[in-house]
N, C-alpha and C. Protein backbone atom coordinates (compact mmCIF):
# COMPACT_ATOMS: atom_id res chain seq x y z
N MET A 1 19.62 33.52 -10.85
CA MET A 1 19.23 32.69 -9.79
C MET A 1 18.64 31.58 -10.14
N ALA A 2 19.08 30.36 -9.78
CA ALA A 2 18.49 29.02 -9.84
C ALA A 2 17.03 28.97 -9.77
N ARG A 3 16.20 28.36 -10.34
CA ARG A 3 14.80 28.11 -10.05
C ARG A 3 14.76 26.74 -9.39
N TRP A 4 13.99 26.54 -8.39
CA TRP A 4 13.63 25.13 -7.90
C TRP A 4 12.99 24.31 -8.93
N LYS A 5 13.19 23.18 -8.67
CA LYS A 5 12.78 22.15 -9.93
C LYS A 5 11.12 21.84 -9.41
N LYS A 6 10.48 21.92 -10.50
CA LYS A 6 8.86 21.86 -10.27
C LYS A 6 8.76 20.30 -10.02
N ARG A 7 7.92 19.99 -8.97
CA ARG A 7 7.47 18.66 -8.60
C ARG A 7 6.16 18.17 -8.81
N PRO A 8 5.90 16.96 -9.21
CA PRO A 8 4.60 16.56 -9.41
C PRO A 8 4.11 16.57 -8.22
N THR A 9 2.58 16.94 -7.97
CA THR A 9 1.99 17.14 -6.61
C THR A 9 1.22 15.63 -6.63
N ALA A 10 1.45 15.08 -5.20
CA ALA A 10 0.47 13.89 -5.06
C ALA A 10 -0.76 13.85 -5.16
N ASN A 11 -1.25 13.08 -5.94
CA ASN A 11 -2.78 12.72 -5.98
C ASN A 11 -3.22 11.95 -4.96
N HIS A 12 -3.91 12.55 -3.58
CA HIS A 12 -3.85 11.64 -2.61
C HIS A 12 -5.35 11.05 -2.68
N ARG A 13 -6.02 11.24 -3.69
CA ARG A 13 -7.49 10.50 -3.80
C ARG A 13 -6.76 8.95 -4.26
N LEU A 14 -6.34 9.28 -5.42
CA LEU A 14 -5.59 8.01 -6.04
C LEU A 14 -4.76 7.21 -5.05
N ARG A 15 -4.04 7.72 -4.61
CA ARG A 15 -2.99 7.14 -3.59
C ARG A 15 -3.92 6.31 -2.40
N ALA A 16 -4.71 6.90 -1.79
CA ALA A 16 -5.71 6.39 -0.97
C ALA A 16 -6.26 5.28 -1.35
N ASP A 17 -6.86 5.48 -2.37
CA ASP A 17 -7.72 4.09 -3.29
C ASP A 17 -6.72 3.16 -3.41
N ASP A 18 -5.62 3.40 -3.97
CA ASP A 18 -4.35 2.25 -4.14
C ASP A 18 -4.30 1.34 -2.88
N CYS A 19 -4.01 2.26 -1.66
CA CYS A 19 -3.70 1.54 -0.50
C CYS A 19 -4.98 0.60 0.20
N ARG A 20 -6.00 1.36 -0.03
CA ARG A 20 -7.42 0.44 0.31
C ARG A 20 -7.46 -0.89 -0.86
N ARG A 21 -7.13 -0.85 -2.04
CA ARG A 21 -7.33 -1.72 -2.59
C ARG A 21 -6.14 -3.04 -2.10
N ARG A 22 -5.03 -2.78 -1.60
CA ARG A 22 -3.96 -3.40 -1.52
C ARG A 22 -3.71 -3.23 0.07
N PRO A 23 -4.55 -3.45 0.98
CA PRO A 23 -4.24 -3.52 2.47
C PRO A 23 -2.97 -4.22 2.86
N GLY A 24 -2.30 -3.43 3.89
CA GLY A 24 -0.97 -3.84 4.03
C GLY A 24 0.08 -3.98 3.36
N VAL A 25 0.21 -3.35 2.27
CA VAL A 25 1.30 -3.03 1.20
C VAL A 25 1.49 -1.45 1.22
N TRP A 26 2.76 -1.38 1.41
CA TRP A 26 3.43 0.08 1.51
C TRP A 26 3.33 0.69 -0.03
N ILE A 27 2.75 1.65 -0.26
CA ILE A 27 2.44 2.46 -1.31
C ILE A 27 3.10 3.87 -1.41
N GLU A 28 3.95 4.01 -2.06
CA GLU A 28 4.61 5.61 -2.36
C GLU A 28 3.61 6.59 -2.60
N ILE A 29 3.44 7.37 -1.68
CA ILE A 29 2.62 8.82 -1.81
C ILE A 29 3.26 9.79 -2.57
N GLY A 30 4.40 10.31 -2.21
CA GLY A 30 5.10 11.17 -3.07
C GLY A 30 6.28 11.50 -2.08
N ALA A 31 7.29 12.46 -3.27
CA ALA A 31 8.68 12.68 -2.75
C ALA A 31 8.49 14.08 -2.34
N TYR A 32 9.21 14.74 -1.25
CA TYR A 32 9.10 16.04 -0.76
C TYR A 32 10.60 16.63 -0.83
N SER A 33 10.68 17.63 -1.04
CA SER A 33 12.25 18.33 -0.79
C SER A 33 12.49 18.73 0.44
N SER A 34 11.57 18.84 1.36
CA SER A 34 11.99 18.94 2.59
C SER A 34 11.22 17.87 3.77
N GLY A 35 12.30 17.67 4.56
CA GLY A 35 11.71 16.49 5.54
C GLY A 35 10.87 16.75 6.49
N TYR A 36 10.80 18.38 6.62
CA TYR A 36 9.59 18.80 7.29
C TYR A 36 8.28 18.45 6.65
N SER A 37 8.05 18.76 5.43
CA SER A 37 6.96 18.62 4.67
C SER A 37 6.58 17.17 4.60
N ALA A 38 7.60 16.29 4.38
CA ALA A 38 7.33 14.71 4.39
C ALA A 38 6.52 14.04 5.70
N THR A 39 7.18 14.82 6.70
CA THR A 39 6.71 14.58 8.01
C THR A 39 5.45 14.84 8.23
N ALA A 40 5.10 16.27 7.84
CA ALA A 40 3.74 16.91 8.32
C ALA A 40 2.80 16.05 7.45
N THR A 41 3.05 15.78 5.96
CA THR A 41 2.04 15.01 5.35
C THR A 41 1.93 13.67 5.59
N ALA A 42 3.08 13.10 6.31
CA ALA A 42 2.79 11.96 6.99
C ALA A 42 1.68 11.75 8.08
N ARG A 43 1.90 12.70 8.96
CA ARG A 43 1.16 12.94 10.11
C ARG A 43 -0.55 13.15 9.64
N ARG A 44 -0.55 14.13 8.67
CA ARG A 44 -1.80 14.60 8.07
C ARG A 44 -2.57 13.09 7.48
N ILE A 45 -1.90 12.25 6.92
CA ILE A 45 -2.41 11.28 6.55
C ILE A 45 -2.82 10.10 7.69
N ARG A 46 -1.95 9.87 8.59
CA ARG A 46 -2.38 9.11 9.78
C ARG A 46 -3.57 9.55 10.86
N THR A 47 -3.65 10.96 10.80
CA THR A 47 -5.01 11.74 11.44
C THR A 47 -6.13 12.14 10.41
N ALA A 48 -6.15 11.96 9.18
CA ALA A 48 -6.80 12.35 8.23
C ALA A 48 -7.17 13.87 8.16
N ASP A 49 -6.23 14.42 8.69
CA ASP A 49 -6.29 16.10 9.04
C ASP A 49 -5.89 16.82 7.86
N ARG A 50 -6.98 17.43 7.10
CA ARG A 50 -6.76 18.26 6.03
C ARG A 50 -6.80 17.24 4.77
N LEU A 51 -6.61 15.94 4.91
CA LEU A 51 -6.66 15.11 3.81
C LEU A 51 -7.73 13.76 4.01
N PRO A 52 -8.97 14.21 3.76
CA PRO A 52 -10.28 13.32 3.98
C PRO A 52 -10.18 11.93 3.39
N TYR A 53 -9.30 11.90 2.30
CA TYR A 53 -9.27 10.52 1.61
C TYR A 53 -8.77 9.53 2.35
N TYR A 54 -7.86 9.80 3.54
CA TYR A 54 -7.25 8.85 4.28
C TYR A 54 -8.25 8.65 5.70
N SER A 55 -9.45 9.01 5.72
CA SER A 55 -10.34 8.98 6.79
C SER A 55 -10.89 7.28 7.01
N PRO A 56 -11.18 6.93 8.07
CA PRO A 56 -11.18 7.39 9.13
C PRO A 56 -9.64 7.60 9.79
N ALA A 57 -9.44 8.63 10.64
CA ALA A 57 -8.19 8.70 11.48
C ALA A 57 -7.56 7.55 11.96
N GLY A 58 -6.46 7.00 11.98
CA GLY A 58 -5.90 6.01 12.37
C GLY A 58 -6.02 4.74 11.65
N ALA A 59 -6.72 4.54 10.53
CA ALA A 59 -6.64 3.68 9.29
C ALA A 59 -5.58 3.30 8.59
N PHE A 60 -4.60 4.45 8.42
CA PHE A 60 -3.39 4.00 7.97
C PHE A 60 -2.23 4.59 8.49
N GLU A 61 -1.16 3.73 8.40
CA GLU A 61 0.08 3.82 8.85
C GLU A 61 1.00 4.38 8.24
N THR A 62 2.12 5.52 8.15
CA THR A 62 3.06 6.06 7.42
C THR A 62 4.31 5.83 8.00
N ARG A 63 5.28 5.95 6.92
CA ARG A 63 6.74 6.03 7.01
C ARG A 63 7.32 6.90 6.23
N THR A 64 8.45 7.50 6.40
CA THR A 64 9.43 8.49 5.62
C THR A 64 10.38 8.05 5.31
N THR A 65 11.05 8.00 4.22
CA THR A 65 12.37 7.69 3.98
C THR A 65 13.12 8.65 3.34
N PRO A 66 14.36 8.97 3.59
CA PRO A 66 15.33 10.08 3.09
C PRO A 66 15.76 9.22 1.61
N GLN A 67 16.24 10.03 0.60
CA GLN A 67 16.65 9.56 -0.32
C GLN A 67 18.14 10.22 -0.48
N PRO A 68 18.86 9.44 -1.42
CA PRO A 68 20.42 10.15 -1.74
C PRO A 68 20.51 11.51 -2.09
N ASN A 69 19.14 11.80 -2.88
CA ASN A 69 19.25 13.08 -3.68
C ASN A 69 18.73 14.22 -2.63
N GLY A 70 18.58 13.78 -1.16
CA GLY A 70 18.16 15.00 -0.51
C GLY A 70 16.51 15.11 -0.57
N ASP A 71 15.66 14.31 -1.07
CA ASP A 71 14.28 14.40 -1.17
C ASP A 71 14.01 13.29 0.04
N THR A 72 12.98 13.59 0.54
CA THR A 72 12.28 12.57 1.54
C THR A 72 11.08 11.77 1.05
N THR A 73 10.85 10.59 0.86
CA THR A 73 9.61 10.08 0.34
C THR A 73 8.70 9.50 1.30
N VAL A 74 7.56 9.88 0.94
CA VAL A 74 6.35 9.40 2.17
C VAL A 74 5.93 8.23 1.60
N TYR A 75 5.68 7.02 2.46
CA TYR A 75 4.94 5.88 2.14
C TYR A 75 3.98 5.32 3.11
N ALA A 76 2.72 5.09 2.66
CA ALA A 76 1.59 4.50 3.63
C ALA A 76 0.83 3.37 3.20
N ARG A 77 0.33 2.92 4.26
CA ARG A 77 -0.25 1.39 4.04
C ARG A 77 -1.76 1.55 4.62
N TYR A 78 -2.55 0.93 4.39
CA TYR A 78 -4.03 0.61 4.81
C TYR A 78 -4.08 -0.26 5.93
N THR A 79 -4.30 -0.14 7.06
CA THR A 79 -4.44 -1.19 8.14
C THR A 79 -5.97 -1.64 8.51
N GLY A 80 -6.81 -0.85 7.96
CA GLY A 80 -8.20 -1.18 8.22
C GLY A 80 -8.74 -0.11 8.94
N ALA A 81 -10.07 -0.12 9.37
CA ALA A 81 -10.68 0.90 10.13
C ALA A 81 -10.10 1.06 11.57
N ALA A 82 -10.27 2.26 11.99
CA ALA A 82 -9.71 2.62 13.24
C ALA A 82 -10.75 2.16 14.25
N SER A 83 -10.12 1.32 15.06
CA SER A 83 -10.91 1.09 16.38
C SER A 83 -11.16 2.10 17.43
């Protein structure tokens, strides 16, 4: 039986800092093999749920992009403190 390819884990602390240093610029957070995982991660970034590096909730926007190899990539950008 074939094994799944080991994927690098997204370093959310570094990615959140990158976003804050360049507000308004889309930064790649990571690639996910499942669209569901990518969507769940994008939601957690927007709401800062279980990912406190992206707080306060609403300070980041996210988008997901399907890739030709079947992965889904999550991108985020810092828009400033939520009002």
